[in-house]
Amino acid sequence: MTRVILKGYVIVPDDDLDAINEALPAHIVNTRAEDGCLLFNVTQDENQKNRFNVHEEFNNKESFSNHQDRVKRSEWGNVSANLEKHYHINQIE
């Protein structure tokens, strides 16, 4: 089985910061409840209020893909549409 690990950060535009902070707790809870989610952390950077550090781990490609599909259809997908994403995705066998 191939584990998928995503690490990086997003930059949130000032106009979206309140909406992101409001929607993020539910997004974290929903993602952690997904089948195959091993780890999901999104934290606001201590020094840059518009930067959120992201670390995700899923037990296989299918679980990661299902997560991506769910996000697209979710409230989080709408709220986070304007984020500037800086991710690295690795697959570990």
N, C-alpha and C. Protein backbone atom coordinates (compact mmCIF):
# COMPACT_ATOMS: atom_id res chain seq x y z
N MET A 1 0.84 -1.18 0.00
CA MET A 1 0.00 0.00 0.00
C MET A 1 0.89 1.24 0.00
N THR A 2 0.49 2.26 -0.76
CA THR A 2 1.25 3.49 -0.89
C THR A 2 0.63 4.59 -0.05
N ARG A 3 1.34 5.04 0.95
CA ARG A 3 0.87 6.14 1.79
C ARG A 3 1.14 7.46 1.07
N VAL A 4 0.20 8.42 1.19
CA VAL A 4 0.34 9.72 0.56
C VAL A 4 0.52 10.77 1.64
N ILE A 5 1.57 11.58 1.49
CA ILE A 5 1.87 12.64 2.46
C ILE A 5 1.92 13.97 1.73
N LEU A 6 1.14 14.91 2.22
CA LEU A 6 1.13 16.26 1.68
C LEU A 6 1.63 17.19 2.78
N LYS A 7 2.62 18.01 2.43
CA LYS A 7 3.14 19.01 3.36
C LYS A 7 3.30 20.32 2.61
N GLY A 8 3.11 21.40 3.32
CA GLY A 8 3.30 22.70 2.72
C GLY A 8 2.54 23.76 3.47
N TYR A 9 2.07 24.75 2.73
CA TYR A 9 1.34 25.84 3.35
C TYR A 9 0.43 26.49 2.33
N VAL A 10 -0.52 27.27 2.84
CA VAL A 10 -1.38 28.08 1.99
C VAL A 10 -1.28 29.52 2.47
N ILE A 11 -1.48 30.43 1.53
CA ILE A 11 -1.54 31.85 1.84
C ILE A 11 -2.99 32.29 1.63
N VAL A 12 -3.56 32.90 2.67
CA VAL A 12 -4.95 33.31 2.66
C VAL A 12 -5.03 34.82 2.40
N PRO A 13 -5.78 35.24 1.39
CA PRO A 13 -5.96 36.67 1.17
C PRO A 13 -6.63 37.32 2.39
N ASP A 14 -6.27 38.55 2.66
CA ASP A 14 -6.85 39.27 3.80
C ASP A 14 -8.37 39.21 3.82
N ASP A 15 -9.00 39.36 2.65
CA ASP A 15 -10.46 39.38 2.57
C ASP A 15 -11.09 38.04 2.94
N ASP A 16 -10.33 36.95 2.87
CA ASP A 16 -10.87 35.62 3.17
C ASP A 16 -10.49 35.11 4.55
N LEU A 17 -9.68 35.84 5.29
CA LEU A 17 -9.11 35.35 6.54
C LEU A 17 -10.19 35.00 7.57
N ASP A 18 -11.18 35.84 7.76
CA ASP A 18 -12.24 35.54 8.73
C ASP A 18 -13.02 34.29 8.35
N ALA A 19 -13.37 34.16 7.08
CA ALA A 19 -14.13 32.99 6.62
C ALA A 19 -13.31 31.70 6.78
N ILE A 20 -12.02 31.77 6.50
CA ILE A 20 -11.15 30.59 6.67
C ILE A 20 -11.09 30.19 8.13
N ASN A 21 -10.86 31.15 9.00
CA ASN A 21 -10.78 30.83 10.43
C ASN A 21 -12.10 30.27 10.97
N GLU A 22 -13.21 30.71 10.42
CA GLU A 22 -14.51 30.20 10.85
C GLU A 22 -14.76 28.78 10.34
N ALA A 23 -14.39 28.50 9.10
CA ALA A 23 -14.68 27.21 8.48
C ALA A 23 -13.64 26.13 8.79
N LEU A 24 -12.45 26.52 9.18
CA LEU A 24 -11.35 25.56 9.36
C LEU A 24 -11.63 24.48 10.41
N PRO A 25 -12.16 24.81 11.59
CA PRO A 25 -12.38 23.74 12.57
C PRO A 25 -13.26 22.60 12.06
N ALA A 26 -14.34 22.92 11.35
CA ALA A 26 -15.20 21.87 10.80
C ALA A 26 -14.48 21.08 9.72
N HIS A 27 -13.68 21.76 8.92
CA HIS A 27 -12.92 21.07 7.87
C HIS A 27 -11.94 20.06 8.49
N ILE A 28 -11.30 20.45 9.56
CA ILE A 28 -10.37 19.54 10.24
C ILE A 28 -11.11 18.33 10.80
N VAL A 29 -12.21 18.56 11.48
CA VAL A 29 -13.00 17.46 12.05
C VAL A 29 -13.48 16.52 10.94
N ASN A 30 -14.02 17.07 9.87
CA ASN A 30 -14.53 16.25 8.77
C ASN A 30 -13.42 15.44 8.11
N THR A 31 -12.27 16.04 7.92
CA THR A 31 -11.17 15.33 7.26
C THR A 31 -10.63 14.23 8.16
N ARG A 32 -10.45 14.51 9.42
CA ARG A 32 -9.93 13.48 10.33
C ARG A 32 -10.86 12.29 10.45
N ALA A 33 -12.15 12.50 10.17
CA ALA A 33 -13.13 11.41 10.23
C ALA A 33 -13.17 10.59 8.94
N GLU A 34 -12.50 11.02 7.90
CA GLU A 34 -12.51 10.31 6.63
C GLU A 34 -11.78 8.97 6.75
N ASP A 35 -12.31 8.00 6.03
CA ASP A 35 -11.67 6.70 5.96
C ASP A 35 -10.30 6.86 5.31
N GLY A 36 -9.27 6.38 5.97
CA GLY A 36 -7.92 6.43 5.42
C GLY A 36 -7.09 7.62 5.86
N CYS A 37 -7.69 8.57 6.57
CA CYS A 37 -6.92 9.72 7.05
C CYS A 37 -6.09 9.29 8.27
N LEU A 38 -4.80 9.43 8.17
CA LEU A 38 -3.90 9.08 9.27
C LEU A 38 -3.50 10.30 10.09
N LEU A 39 -3.40 11.45 9.43
CA LEU A 39 -2.98 12.68 10.09
C LEU A 39 -3.49 13.85 9.27
N PHE A 40 -4.01 14.86 9.96
CA PHE A 40 -4.45 16.06 9.26
C PHE A 40 -4.31 17.25 10.21
N ASN A 41 -3.34 18.11 9.91
CA ASN A 41 -3.08 19.29 10.73
C ASN A 41 -2.99 20.51 9.83
N VAL A 42 -3.74 21.54 10.20
CA VAL A 42 -3.65 22.83 9.54
C VAL A 42 -3.57 23.86 10.66
N THR A 43 -2.47 24.60 10.70
CA THR A 43 -2.26 25.56 11.79
C THR A 43 -1.84 26.91 11.22
N GLN A 44 -2.38 27.94 11.81
CA GLN A 44 -2.02 29.29 11.42
C GLN A 44 -0.60 29.57 11.91
N ASP A 45 0.20 30.10 11.04
CA ASP A 45 1.59 30.41 11.36
C ASP A 45 1.66 31.46 12.47
N GLU A 46 2.57 31.27 13.40
CA GLU A 46 2.69 32.19 14.53
C GLU A 46 3.18 33.58 14.12
N ASN A 47 3.93 33.67 13.02
CA ASN A 47 4.53 34.94 12.62
C ASN A 47 3.85 35.60 11.42
N GLN A 48 3.11 34.82 10.66
CA GLN A 48 2.45 35.35 9.46
C GLN A 48 0.98 34.96 9.50
N LYS A 49 0.11 35.89 9.81
CA LYS A 49 -1.31 35.57 10.02
C LYS A 49 -1.99 35.02 8.77
N ASN A 50 -1.46 35.28 7.60
CA ASN A 50 -2.07 34.82 6.36
C ASN A 50 -1.53 33.47 5.89
N ARG A 51 -0.59 32.92 6.61
CA ARG A 51 0.00 31.63 6.24
C ARG A 51 -0.53 30.54 7.18
N PHE A 52 -0.97 29.44 6.58
CA PHE A 52 -1.43 28.28 7.34
C PHE A 52 -0.60 27.08 6.90
N ASN A 53 0.04 26.43 7.84
CA ASN A 53 0.88 25.27 7.56
C ASN A 53 0.01 24.02 7.51
N VAL A 54 0.29 23.17 6.54
CA VAL A 54 -0.56 22.01 6.27
C VAL A 54 0.30 20.74 6.28
N HIS A 55 -0.22 19.71 6.95
CA HIS A 55 0.42 18.38 6.95
C HIS A 55 -0.71 17.35 6.93
N GLU A 56 -0.75 16.57 5.86
CA GLU A 56 -1.78 15.54 5.69
C GLU A 56 -1.10 14.21 5.41
N GLU A 57 -1.68 13.15 5.94
CA GLU A 57 -1.23 11.80 5.59
C GLU A 57 -2.45 10.90 5.43
N PHE A 58 -2.46 10.17 4.32
CA PHE A 58 -3.53 9.22 4.04
C PHE A 58 -2.91 7.86 3.76
N ASN A 59 -3.64 6.81 4.12
CA ASN A 59 -3.05 5.47 4.05
C ASN A 59 -2.89 4.93 2.64
N ASN A 60 -3.53 5.56 1.64
CA ASN A 60 -3.34 5.13 0.25
C ASN A 60 -3.82 6.21 -0.72
N LYS A 61 -3.53 6.00 -1.99
CA LYS A 61 -3.89 6.98 -3.02
C LYS A 61 -5.39 7.17 -3.12
N GLU A 62 -6.13 6.10 -2.98
CA GLU A 62 -7.59 6.18 -3.09
C GLU A 62 -8.17 7.07 -1.98
N SER A 63 -7.70 6.90 -0.76
CA SER A 63 -8.18 7.72 0.35
C SER A 63 -7.86 9.20 0.12
N PHE A 64 -6.66 9.46 -0.37
CA PHE A 64 -6.26 10.84 -0.65
C PHE A 64 -7.13 11.42 -1.76
N SER A 65 -7.37 10.66 -2.79
CA SER A 65 -8.22 11.11 -3.90
C SER A 65 -9.65 11.36 -3.43
N ASN A 66 -10.17 10.46 -2.59
CA ASN A 66 -11.52 10.65 -2.04
C ASN A 66 -11.59 11.93 -1.21
N HIS A 67 -10.54 12.21 -0.46
CA HIS A 67 -10.48 13.45 0.31
C HIS A 67 -10.54 14.65 -0.62
N GLN A 68 -9.74 14.65 -1.66
CA GLN A 68 -9.72 15.77 -2.60
C GLN A 68 -11.10 15.98 -3.24
N ASP A 69 -11.76 14.88 -3.58
CA ASP A 69 -13.10 14.97 -4.17
C ASP A 69 -14.12 15.53 -3.18
N ARG A 70 -14.04 15.09 -1.93
CA ARG A 70 -14.98 15.60 -0.93
C ARG A 70 -14.78 17.09 -0.72
N VAL A 71 -13.53 17.51 -0.65
CA VAL A 71 -13.23 18.92 -0.43
C VAL A 71 -13.84 19.78 -1.54
N LYS A 72 -13.74 19.33 -2.78
CA LYS A 72 -14.28 20.10 -3.91
C LYS A 72 -15.78 20.34 -3.77
N ARG A 73 -16.49 19.41 -3.15
CA ARG A 73 -17.94 19.51 -3.02
C ARG A 73 -18.38 20.12 -1.69
N SER A 74 -17.45 20.51 -0.86
CA SER A 74 -17.78 20.95 0.50
C SER A 74 -17.81 22.47 0.64
N GLU A 75 -18.32 22.90 1.77
CA GLU A 75 -18.27 24.33 2.11
C GLU A 75 -16.83 24.81 2.14
N TRP A 76 -15.94 23.96 2.69
CA TRP A 76 -14.52 24.33 2.72
C TRP A 76 -13.99 24.59 1.31
N GLY A 77 -14.42 23.78 0.36
CA GLY A 77 -14.00 23.98 -1.03
C GLY A 77 -14.39 25.35 -1.54
N ASN A 78 -15.58 25.82 -1.18
CA ASN A 78 -16.02 27.15 -1.58
C ASN A 78 -15.23 28.24 -0.87
N VAL A 79 -15.07 28.10 0.43
CA VAL A 79 -14.40 29.12 1.24
C VAL A 79 -12.92 29.23 0.87
N SER A 80 -12.31 28.12 0.53
CA SER A 80 -10.86 28.10 0.30
C SER A 80 -10.47 28.26 -1.16
N ALA A 81 -11.39 28.62 -2.01
CA ALA A 81 -11.12 28.69 -3.45
C ALA A 81 -10.01 29.67 -3.82
N ASN A 82 -9.82 30.71 -3.02
CA ASN A 82 -8.84 31.74 -3.37
C ASN A 82 -7.47 31.55 -2.70
N LEU A 83 -7.28 30.45 -2.02
CA LEU A 83 -6.01 30.24 -1.34
C LEU A 83 -4.87 30.02 -2.34
N GLU A 84 -3.72 30.55 -2.02
CA GLU A 84 -2.49 30.31 -2.79
C GLU A 84 -1.82 29.10 -2.15
N LYS A 85 -1.75 27.99 -2.88
CA LYS A 85 -1.30 26.72 -2.32
C LYS A 85 0.15 26.42 -2.70
N HIS A 86 0.90 26.00 -1.69
CA HIS A 86 2.31 25.61 -1.87
C HIS A 86 2.48 24.25 -1.19
N TYR A 87 2.30 23.18 -1.97
CA TYR A 87 2.31 21.83 -1.42
C TYR A 87 3.39 20.98 -2.09
N HIS A 88 3.85 20.00 -1.34
CA HIS A 88 4.66 18.91 -1.87
C HIS A 88 3.93 17.63 -1.50
N ILE A 89 3.70 16.77 -2.48
CA ILE A 89 3.00 15.51 -2.25
C ILE A 89 3.98 14.37 -2.52
N ASN A 90 4.14 13.51 -1.52
CA ASN A 90 5.02 12.35 -1.64
C ASN A 90 4.22 11.09 -1.44
N GLN A 91 4.67 10.05 -2.10
CA GLN A 91 4.06 8.73 -1.92
C GLN A 91 5.12 7.78 -1.39
N ILE A 92 4.77 7.10 -0.31
CA ILE A 92 5.71 6.19 0.34
C ILE A 92 5.12 4.79 0.31
N GLU A 93 5.90 3.85 -0.18
CA GLU A 93 5.43 2.45 -0.24
C GLU A 93 5.83 1.73 1.02
